[in-house]
N, C-alpha and C. Protein backbone atom coordinates (compact mmCIF):
# COMPACT_ATOMS: atom_id res chain seq x y z
N UNK A 1 102.62 -110.18 121.45
CA UNK A 1 103.66 -110.48 122.39
C UNK A 1 103.19 -111.49 123.43
N UNK A 2 102.00 -111.32 123.96
CA UNK A 2 101.47 -112.25 124.97
C UNK A 2 101.30 -113.63 124.35
N UNK A 3 100.88 -113.69 123.10
CA UNK A 3 100.66 -114.97 122.43
C UNK A 3 101.93 -115.80 122.38
N UNK A 4 103.08 -115.17 122.19
CA UNK A 4 104.35 -115.89 122.14
C UNK A 4 104.63 -116.58 123.47
N UNK A 5 104.36 -115.90 124.58
CA UNK A 5 104.64 -116.48 125.89
C UNK A 5 103.60 -117.52 126.29
N UNK A 6 102.37 -117.37 125.85
CA UNK A 6 101.32 -118.29 126.24
C UNK A 6 101.32 -119.58 125.43
N UNK A 7 101.89 -119.57 124.22
CA UNK A 7 101.89 -120.78 123.38
C UNK A 7 102.52 -121.98 124.07
N UNK A 8 103.73 -121.87 124.66
CA UNK A 8 104.30 -123.02 125.35
C UNK A 8 103.46 -123.46 126.55
N UNK A 9 102.86 -122.50 127.26
CA UNK A 9 102.02 -122.85 128.40
C UNK A 9 100.78 -123.61 127.97
N UNK A 10 100.18 -123.19 126.87
CA UNK A 10 99.02 -123.88 126.34
C UNK A 10 99.37 -125.29 125.92
N UNK A 11 100.52 -125.48 125.30
CA UNK A 11 100.95 -126.82 124.90
C UNK A 11 101.14 -127.72 126.11
N UNK A 12 101.74 -127.18 127.16
CA UNK A 12 101.93 -127.98 128.37
C UNK A 12 100.59 -128.34 129.01
N UNK A 13 99.65 -127.40 129.01
CA UNK A 13 98.34 -127.66 129.58
C UNK A 13 97.59 -128.73 128.80
N UNK A 14 97.84 -128.81 127.51
CA UNK A 14 97.18 -129.81 126.68
C UNK A 14 97.92 -131.14 126.66
N UNK A 15 99.03 -131.23 127.39
CA UNK A 15 99.79 -132.47 127.45
C UNK A 15 100.88 -132.57 126.40
N UNK A 16 101.24 -131.49 125.78
CA UNK A 16 102.28 -131.49 124.76
C UNK A 16 103.56 -131.01 125.41
N UNK A 17 104.35 -131.95 125.91
CA UNK A 17 105.57 -131.54 126.60
C UNK A 17 106.77 -131.50 125.69
N UNK A 18 106.66 -131.97 124.43
CA UNK A 18 107.75 -131.87 123.47
C UNK A 18 108.89 -132.83 123.72
N UNK A 19 108.68 -133.87 124.52
CA UNK A 19 109.77 -134.78 124.83
C UNK A 19 109.86 -135.95 123.87
N UNK A 20 108.81 -136.26 123.15
CA UNK A 20 108.81 -137.44 122.30
C UNK A 20 107.89 -137.20 121.12
N UNK A 21 108.37 -137.47 119.91
CA UNK A 21 107.55 -137.23 118.73
C UNK A 21 106.37 -138.17 118.66
N UNK A 22 106.37 -139.27 119.39
CA UNK A 22 105.27 -140.23 119.29
C UNK A 22 104.05 -139.81 120.10
N UNK A 23 104.19 -138.90 121.05
CA UNK A 23 103.04 -138.51 121.85
C UNK A 23 102.52 -137.11 121.50
N UNK A 24 102.96 -136.56 120.39
CA UNK A 24 102.64 -135.17 120.11
C UNK A 24 101.33 -134.95 119.38
N UNK A 25 100.97 -135.85 118.46
CA UNK A 25 99.76 -135.63 117.69
C UNK A 25 99.76 -134.26 117.04
N UNK A 26 98.74 -133.48 117.31
CA UNK A 26 98.61 -132.15 116.71
C UNK A 26 99.58 -131.14 117.29
N UNK A 27 100.28 -131.48 118.37
CA UNK A 27 101.19 -130.53 119.01
C UNK A 27 102.38 -130.16 118.13
N UNK A 28 102.72 -131.00 117.17
CA UNK A 28 103.85 -130.68 116.31
C UNK A 28 103.40 -129.95 115.05
N UNK A 29 102.11 -129.68 114.93
CA UNK A 29 101.56 -128.99 113.77
C UNK A 29 101.38 -127.52 114.14
N UNK A 30 102.18 -126.62 113.54
CA UNK A 30 102.18 -125.21 113.94
C UNK A 30 100.81 -124.54 113.84
N UNK A 31 99.98 -124.92 112.88
CA UNK A 31 98.69 -124.25 112.72
C UNK A 31 97.51 -125.16 113.03
N UNK A 32 97.77 -126.28 113.70
CA UNK A 32 96.70 -127.18 114.11
C UNK A 32 96.20 -128.06 112.98
N UNK A 33 95.41 -129.03 113.33
CA UNK A 33 94.84 -129.96 112.36
C UNK A 33 93.92 -129.20 111.41
N UNK A 34 94.14 -129.31 110.12
CA UNK A 34 93.30 -128.64 109.13
C UNK A 34 93.78 -127.26 108.75
N UNK A 35 94.80 -126.75 109.40
CA UNK A 35 95.38 -125.47 109.01
C UNK A 35 94.73 -124.28 109.67
N UNK A 36 95.24 -123.15 109.29
CA UNK A 36 94.75 -121.88 109.81
C UNK A 36 94.49 -120.94 108.66
N UNK A 37 94.55 -119.66 108.93
CA UNK A 37 94.25 -118.69 107.88
C UNK A 37 95.39 -118.52 106.88
N UNK A 38 96.51 -119.20 107.10
CA UNK A 38 97.64 -119.10 106.17
C UNK A 38 97.85 -120.39 105.37
N UNK A 39 96.90 -121.29 105.42
CA UNK A 39 97.05 -122.57 104.73
C UNK A 39 97.17 -123.68 105.74
N UNK A 40 97.60 -124.84 105.30
CA UNK A 40 97.74 -125.96 106.21
C UNK A 40 99.21 -126.39 106.25
N UNK A 41 99.91 -125.97 107.30
CA UNK A 41 101.31 -126.33 107.48
C UNK A 41 101.35 -127.74 108.08
N UNK A 42 102.06 -128.69 107.47
CA UNK A 42 102.11 -130.04 108.01
C UNK A 42 102.85 -130.09 109.35
N UNK A 43 102.52 -131.10 110.14
CA UNK A 43 103.27 -131.35 111.38
C UNK A 43 104.70 -131.69 110.99
N UNK A 44 105.66 -131.08 111.65
CA UNK A 44 107.06 -131.31 111.27
C UNK A 44 107.75 -132.37 112.12
N UNK A 45 107.20 -132.72 113.29
CA UNK A 45 107.84 -133.75 114.12
C UNK A 45 107.76 -135.09 113.39
N UNK A 46 108.84 -135.84 113.47
CA UNK A 46 108.90 -137.15 112.84
C UNK A 46 110.16 -137.33 112.02
N UNK A 47 110.19 -138.39 111.25
CA UNK A 47 111.36 -138.74 110.44
C UNK A 47 111.25 -138.15 109.04
N UNK A 48 112.39 -137.68 108.53
CA UNK A 48 112.47 -137.07 107.20
C UNK A 48 113.65 -137.69 106.45
N UNK A 49 113.49 -137.82 105.13
CA UNK A 49 114.60 -138.20 104.25
C UNK A 49 114.98 -136.96 103.46
N UNK A 50 116.22 -136.88 102.99
CA UNK A 50 116.67 -135.65 102.34
C UNK A 50 117.37 -135.90 101.01
N UNK A 51 117.41 -134.83 100.24
CA UNK A 51 118.22 -134.76 99.03
C UNK A 51 119.05 -133.49 99.13
N UNK A 52 120.36 -133.63 98.94
CA UNK A 52 121.29 -132.51 99.06
C UNK A 52 122.07 -132.44 97.76
N UNK A 53 121.89 -131.36 97.01
CA UNK A 53 122.58 -131.20 95.72
C UNK A 53 123.42 -129.93 95.77
N UNK A 54 124.70 -130.08 95.96
CA UNK A 54 125.60 -128.93 96.09
C UNK A 54 125.61 -128.12 94.80
N UNK A 55 125.31 -126.85 94.94
CA UNK A 55 125.32 -125.95 93.80
C UNK A 55 126.68 -125.29 93.64
N UNK A 56 127.41 -125.16 94.73
CA UNK A 56 128.71 -124.52 94.62
C UNK A 56 129.56 -124.70 95.85
N UNK A 57 130.80 -125.03 95.64
CA UNK A 57 131.80 -125.11 96.70
C UNK A 57 132.80 -124.00 96.44
N UNK A 58 133.28 -123.38 97.48
CA UNK A 58 134.23 -122.29 97.31
C UNK A 58 135.46 -122.78 96.55
N UNK A 59 135.80 -122.09 95.48
CA UNK A 59 136.92 -122.48 94.63
C UNK A 59 138.27 -122.42 95.32
N UNK A 60 138.44 -121.50 96.25
CA UNK A 60 139.74 -121.29 96.89
C UNK A 60 139.93 -122.10 98.16
N UNK A 61 139.03 -123.00 98.46
CA UNK A 61 139.12 -123.78 99.70
C UNK A 61 140.24 -124.82 99.58
N UNK A 62 141.13 -124.83 100.58
CA UNK A 62 142.23 -125.80 100.57
C UNK A 62 142.04 -126.88 101.64
N UNK A 63 140.89 -126.85 102.35
CA UNK A 63 140.62 -127.84 103.39
C UNK A 63 140.48 -129.22 102.77
N UNK A 64 141.15 -130.18 103.35
CA UNK A 64 141.09 -131.56 102.87
C UNK A 64 139.76 -132.17 103.30
N UNK A 65 139.08 -132.84 102.39
CA UNK A 65 137.86 -133.54 102.74
C UNK A 65 136.63 -132.67 102.87
N UNK A 66 136.66 -131.48 102.34
CA UNK A 66 135.47 -130.61 102.32
C UNK A 66 135.17 -130.32 100.86
N UNK A 67 134.41 -131.25 100.25
CA UNK A 67 134.08 -131.13 98.84
C UNK A 67 132.74 -131.79 98.57
N UNK A 68 132.38 -131.88 97.31
CA UNK A 68 131.04 -132.36 96.94
C UNK A 68 130.73 -133.78 97.37
N UNK A 69 131.73 -134.58 97.68
CA UNK A 69 131.49 -135.96 98.10
C UNK A 69 131.69 -136.20 99.58
N UNK A 70 131.97 -135.15 100.35
CA UNK A 70 132.43 -135.36 101.73
C UNK A 70 131.36 -135.36 102.81
N UNK A 71 130.29 -134.69 102.62
CA UNK A 71 129.35 -134.48 103.74
C UNK A 71 128.22 -135.51 103.73
N UNK A 72 128.59 -136.75 103.98
CA UNK A 72 127.63 -137.86 103.94
C UNK A 72 126.65 -137.84 105.11
N UNK A 73 126.91 -137.08 106.13
CA UNK A 73 126.00 -136.98 107.27
C UNK A 73 124.69 -136.29 106.91
N UNK A 74 124.69 -135.55 105.80
CA UNK A 74 123.46 -134.85 105.39
C UNK A 74 122.55 -135.89 104.76
N UNK A 75 121.64 -136.38 105.54
CA UNK A 75 120.74 -137.44 105.12
C UNK A 75 119.51 -137.44 106.00
N UNK A 76 119.02 -138.62 106.34
CA UNK A 76 117.81 -138.70 107.16
C UNK A 76 117.99 -137.98 108.49
N UNK A 77 116.91 -137.35 108.94
CA UNK A 77 116.92 -136.69 110.24
C UNK A 77 115.55 -136.84 110.89
N UNK A 78 115.51 -136.61 112.18
CA UNK A 78 114.27 -136.69 112.94
C UNK A 78 114.06 -135.36 113.65
N UNK A 79 112.84 -134.83 113.55
CA UNK A 79 112.45 -133.63 114.28
C UNK A 79 111.64 -134.08 115.50
N UNK A 80 112.02 -133.58 116.66
CA UNK A 80 111.34 -133.86 117.91
C UNK A 80 110.81 -132.56 118.50
N UNK A 81 109.80 -132.65 119.32
CA UNK A 81 109.29 -131.49 120.02
C UNK A 81 107.93 -131.07 119.53
N UNK A 82 107.49 -129.95 120.05
CA UNK A 82 106.19 -129.39 119.72
C UNK A 82 106.34 -127.91 119.42
N UNK A 83 105.47 -127.38 118.60
CA UNK A 83 105.51 -125.96 118.25
C UNK A 83 105.43 -125.14 119.52
N UNK A 84 106.28 -124.19 119.75
CA UNK A 84 107.33 -123.65 118.90
C UNK A 84 108.73 -124.15 119.27
N UNK A 85 108.85 -125.20 120.05
CA UNK A 85 110.15 -125.66 120.54
C UNK A 85 110.54 -127.00 119.93
N UNK A 86 111.15 -126.94 118.76
CA UNK A 86 111.60 -128.16 118.07
C UNK A 86 113.11 -128.32 118.22
N UNK A 87 113.56 -129.54 118.01
CA UNK A 87 114.98 -129.85 117.88
C UNK A 87 115.07 -131.00 116.89
N UNK A 88 116.25 -131.26 116.40
CA UNK A 88 116.40 -132.32 115.39
C UNK A 88 117.72 -133.03 115.58
N UNK A 89 117.81 -134.21 114.99
CA UNK A 89 119.05 -134.99 114.96
C UNK A 89 119.18 -135.63 113.58
N UNK A 90 120.34 -135.44 112.96
CA UNK A 90 120.65 -136.21 111.76
C UNK A 90 121.02 -137.62 112.21
N UNK A 91 120.53 -138.63 111.53
CA UNK A 91 120.77 -140.01 111.94
C UNK A 91 122.25 -140.36 111.96
N UNK A 92 123.05 -139.77 111.09
CA UNK A 92 124.49 -140.05 111.03
C UNK A 92 125.27 -139.32 112.13
N UNK A 93 124.63 -138.41 112.82
CA UNK A 93 125.29 -137.62 113.87
C UNK A 93 124.58 -137.84 115.20
N UNK A 94 124.54 -139.05 115.65
CA UNK A 94 123.82 -139.40 116.87
C UNK A 94 124.27 -138.54 118.04
N UNK A 95 123.31 -137.96 118.72
CA UNK A 95 123.59 -137.14 119.89
C UNK A 95 123.82 -135.67 119.60
N UNK A 96 124.02 -135.30 118.35
CA UNK A 96 124.22 -133.89 117.98
C UNK A 96 122.85 -133.23 117.81
N UNK A 97 122.52 -132.25 118.63
CA UNK A 97 121.23 -131.57 118.58
C UNK A 97 121.28 -130.38 117.64
N UNK A 98 120.23 -130.23 116.86
CA UNK A 98 120.08 -129.11 115.95
C UNK A 98 118.86 -128.30 116.39
N UNK A 99 118.95 -127.00 116.25
CA UNK A 99 117.83 -126.12 116.57
C UNK A 99 116.93 -126.02 115.35
N UNK A 100 115.62 -126.08 115.56
CA UNK A 100 114.65 -126.01 114.46
C UNK A 100 113.61 -124.94 114.80
N UNK A 101 113.26 -124.15 113.80
CA UNK A 101 112.19 -123.17 113.95
C UNK A 101 111.27 -123.28 112.75
N UNK A 102 109.97 -123.16 113.00
CA UNK A 102 108.96 -123.17 111.95
C UNK A 102 108.01 -122.02 112.25
N UNK A 103 107.68 -121.23 111.22
CA UNK A 103 106.71 -120.17 111.46
C UNK A 103 105.33 -120.57 110.92
N UNK A 104 104.35 -119.75 111.18
CA UNK A 104 102.97 -120.08 110.83
C UNK A 104 102.67 -119.98 109.34
N UNK A 105 103.64 -119.60 108.53
CA UNK A 105 103.47 -119.59 107.07
C UNK A 105 104.31 -120.68 106.41
N UNK A 106 104.89 -121.56 107.21
CA UNK A 106 105.63 -122.70 106.68
C UNK A 106 107.11 -122.50 106.54
N UNK A 107 107.65 -121.38 106.98
CA UNK A 107 109.09 -121.17 106.93
C UNK A 107 109.79 -122.13 107.89
N UNK A 108 110.82 -122.82 107.42
CA UNK A 108 111.53 -123.83 108.20
C UNK A 108 113.01 -123.48 108.21
N UNK A 109 113.64 -123.53 109.38
CA UNK A 109 115.08 -123.33 109.51
C UNK A 109 115.63 -124.32 110.52
N UNK A 110 116.74 -124.98 110.15
CA UNK A 110 117.42 -125.91 111.04
C UNK A 110 118.91 -125.53 111.03
N UNK A 111 119.46 -125.26 112.21
CA UNK A 111 120.86 -124.87 112.31
C UNK A 111 121.59 -125.72 113.33
N UNK A 112 122.87 -125.91 113.09
CA UNK A 112 123.70 -126.67 114.01
C UNK A 112 125.15 -126.63 113.56
N UNK A 113 125.97 -127.43 114.21
CA UNK A 113 127.38 -127.50 113.85
C UNK A 113 127.85 -128.94 113.91
N UNK A 114 128.88 -129.22 113.13
CA UNK A 114 129.41 -130.57 113.00
C UNK A 114 130.93 -130.49 113.09
N UNK A 115 131.53 -131.39 113.88
CA UNK A 115 132.98 -131.49 113.91
C UNK A 115 133.45 -132.12 112.60
N UNK A 116 134.44 -131.53 111.99
CA UNK A 116 135.00 -131.98 110.72
C UNK A 116 136.50 -132.18 110.91
N UNK A 117 137.10 -133.03 110.12
CA UNK A 117 138.54 -133.28 110.26
C UNK A 117 139.38 -132.01 110.11
N UNK A 118 138.84 -130.99 109.45
CA UNK A 118 139.57 -129.73 109.24
C UNK A 118 139.09 -128.60 110.14
N UNK A 119 138.09 -128.84 111.00
CA UNK A 119 137.58 -127.78 111.85
C UNK A 119 136.13 -128.01 112.21
N UNK A 120 135.35 -126.94 112.24
CA UNK A 120 133.93 -127.00 112.58
C UNK A 120 133.11 -126.50 111.41
N UNK A 121 132.09 -127.28 111.05
CA UNK A 121 131.14 -126.84 110.02
C UNK A 121 129.92 -126.26 110.73
N UNK A 122 129.60 -125.03 110.40
CA UNK A 122 128.35 -124.40 110.84
C UNK A 122 127.39 -124.52 109.67
N UNK A 123 126.20 -125.06 109.93
CA UNK A 123 125.28 -125.36 108.82
C UNK A 123 123.89 -124.80 109.07
N UNK A 124 123.23 -124.44 107.99
CA UNK A 124 121.85 -123.99 108.01
C UNK A 124 121.11 -124.64 106.86
N UNK A 125 119.95 -125.20 107.17
CA UNK A 125 119.05 -125.77 106.18
C UNK A 125 117.73 -125.04 106.31
N UNK A 126 117.27 -124.42 105.24
CA UNK A 126 116.05 -123.61 105.30
C UNK A 126 115.16 -123.92 104.12
N UNK A 127 113.88 -123.68 104.29
CA UNK A 127 112.95 -123.89 103.19
C UNK A 127 111.52 -123.66 103.61
N UNK A 128 110.62 -124.17 102.80
CA UNK A 128 109.20 -124.03 103.02
C UNK A 128 108.60 -125.41 103.25
N UNK A 129 107.88 -125.59 104.35
CA UNK A 129 107.18 -126.84 104.65
C UNK A 129 105.83 -126.79 103.94
N UNK A 130 105.47 -127.86 103.25
CA UNK A 130 104.22 -127.87 102.50
C UNK A 130 103.69 -129.30 102.37
N UNK A 131 102.45 -129.39 101.94
CA UNK A 131 101.85 -130.67 101.57
C UNK A 131 101.64 -130.65 100.07
N UNK A 132 102.16 -131.68 99.37
CA UNK A 132 102.03 -131.68 97.92
C UNK A 132 100.68 -132.27 97.49
N UNK A 133 100.47 -132.32 96.20
CA UNK A 133 99.18 -132.75 95.65
C UNK A 133 98.83 -134.20 95.99
N UNK A 134 99.85 -135.01 96.29
CA UNK A 134 99.59 -136.41 96.67
C UNK A 134 99.53 -136.57 98.20
N UNK A 135 99.37 -135.45 98.91
CA UNK A 135 99.21 -135.42 100.37
C UNK A 135 100.47 -135.85 101.11
N UNK A 136 101.63 -135.63 100.52
CA UNK A 136 102.91 -135.94 101.16
C UNK A 136 103.52 -134.65 101.68
N UNK A 137 104.07 -134.68 102.89
CA UNK A 137 104.71 -133.51 103.48
C UNK A 137 106.13 -133.36 102.97
N UNK A 138 106.51 -132.14 102.65
CA UNK A 138 107.86 -131.89 102.14
C UNK A 138 108.40 -130.56 102.60
N UNK A 139 109.70 -130.40 102.41
CA UNK A 139 110.40 -129.14 102.65
C UNK A 139 111.30 -128.93 101.44
N UNK A 140 111.22 -127.78 100.82
CA UNK A 140 112.13 -127.44 99.72
C UNK A 140 112.80 -126.12 100.04
N UNK A 141 114.12 -126.07 99.79
CA UNK A 141 114.85 -124.85 100.07
C UNK A 141 116.32 -124.96 99.75
N UNK A 142 117.13 -124.38 100.60
CA UNK A 142 118.56 -124.34 100.36
C UNK A 142 119.34 -124.62 101.63
N UNK A 143 120.64 -124.82 101.45
CA UNK A 143 121.54 -125.10 102.57
C UNK A 143 122.82 -124.30 102.42
N UNK A 144 123.42 -123.96 103.54
CA UNK A 144 124.72 -123.30 103.56
C UNK A 144 125.57 -124.03 104.59
N UNK A 145 126.77 -124.44 104.18
CA UNK A 145 127.74 -125.06 105.08
C UNK A 145 128.97 -124.16 105.11
N UNK A 146 129.36 -123.75 106.29
CA UNK A 146 130.54 -122.91 106.45
C UNK A 146 131.56 -123.60 107.33
N UNK A 147 132.77 -123.78 106.83
CA UNK A 147 133.83 -124.46 107.55
C UNK A 147 134.78 -123.44 108.16
N UNK A 148 134.95 -123.52 109.48
CA UNK A 148 135.91 -122.70 110.21
C UNK A 148 137.09 -123.60 110.54
N UNK A 149 138.22 -123.41 109.85
CA UNK A 149 139.36 -124.31 110.00
C UNK A 149 140.26 -123.99 111.20
N UNK A 150 140.21 -122.75 111.73
CA UNK A 150 141.13 -122.38 112.79
C UNK A 150 140.45 -121.85 114.05
N UNK A 151 139.17 -122.19 114.23
CA UNK A 151 138.41 -121.85 115.44
C UNK A 151 138.40 -120.36 115.77
N UNK A 152 138.42 -119.50 114.73
CA UNK A 152 138.35 -118.06 114.97
C UNK A 152 136.96 -117.49 114.67
N UNK A 153 135.98 -118.38 114.47
CA UNK A 153 134.60 -118.03 114.15
C UNK A 153 134.46 -117.28 112.82
N UNK A 154 135.43 -117.47 111.94
CA UNK A 154 135.38 -116.94 110.59
C UNK A 154 135.22 -118.12 109.64
N UNK A 155 134.30 -117.99 108.70
CA UNK A 155 134.09 -119.05 107.71
C UNK A 155 135.23 -119.00 106.70
N UNK A 156 136.01 -120.07 106.65
CA UNK A 156 137.16 -120.14 105.75
C UNK A 156 136.82 -120.79 104.42
N UNK A 157 135.88 -121.72 104.42
CA UNK A 157 135.41 -122.40 103.21
C UNK A 157 133.90 -122.57 103.33
N UNK A 158 133.23 -122.58 102.19
CA UNK A 158 131.78 -122.72 102.26
C UNK A 158 131.23 -123.49 101.07
N UNK A 159 130.00 -123.93 101.25
CA UNK A 159 129.26 -124.59 100.18
C UNK A 159 127.81 -124.13 100.24
N UNK A 160 127.21 -124.00 99.08
CA UNK A 160 125.79 -123.68 98.97
C UNK A 160 125.14 -124.82 98.20
N UNK A 161 123.88 -125.13 98.58
CA UNK A 161 123.23 -126.27 97.94
C UNK A 161 121.72 -126.09 97.92
N UNK A 162 121.09 -126.80 96.98
CA UNK A 162 119.65 -126.95 97.07
C UNK A 162 119.42 -128.14 98.00
N UNK A 163 118.32 -128.09 98.72
CA UNK A 163 118.07 -129.11 99.73
C UNK A 163 116.56 -129.34 99.81
N UNK A 164 116.18 -130.59 99.91
CA UNK A 164 114.77 -130.91 100.09
C UNK A 164 114.64 -132.10 101.03
N UNK A 165 113.47 -132.21 101.65
CA UNK A 165 113.20 -133.32 102.55
C UNK A 165 111.77 -133.76 102.37
N UNK A 166 111.53 -135.05 102.54
CA UNK A 166 110.18 -135.60 102.51
C UNK A 166 109.93 -136.37 103.79
N UNK A 167 108.73 -136.21 104.32
CA UNK A 167 108.36 -136.92 105.55
C UNK A 167 108.37 -138.41 105.26
N UNK A 168 109.07 -139.16 106.07
CA UNK A 168 109.20 -140.60 105.88
C UNK A 168 107.90 -141.30 106.27
N UNK A 169 107.57 -142.35 105.53
CA UNK A 169 106.42 -143.17 105.86
C UNK A 169 105.09 -142.59 105.45
N UNK A 170 105.08 -141.49 104.73
CA UNK A 170 103.81 -140.90 104.29
C UNK A 170 103.58 -141.13 102.82
């Protein structure tokens, strides 16, 4: 419990204020340079490219423009901040902040919402952060998009997808 509260203080003492991905260095790496006892989790701050392959759209959805070709905003994104306080922005959604969490075993979750012509999309992108055999950082997992068409906080239409991201420039 104490470790959770001291982590942000330690980052601030080391100069990791989480305001800019360019000044973070090891501060965006959850288990430090070279890893910890759970492997080597890559630093997540920086630019990522994505692949989104919809596995299923709700068959009974009558919302216009919520289908396999509609969600073009799911693409490149940037993670900013330092462990454990990350945030992200999809490049197509300038100014829209997404919450990001990474655990010490590489679990990654990014959640946010998007205004859609038919309502609000609540979205979650989750997976495992890893370094592949060619030393490239990646995330592989799944995504869920839920469309609330009448602002009652009930998901009226949904989509499930496989989702992956690769660190840009590596």
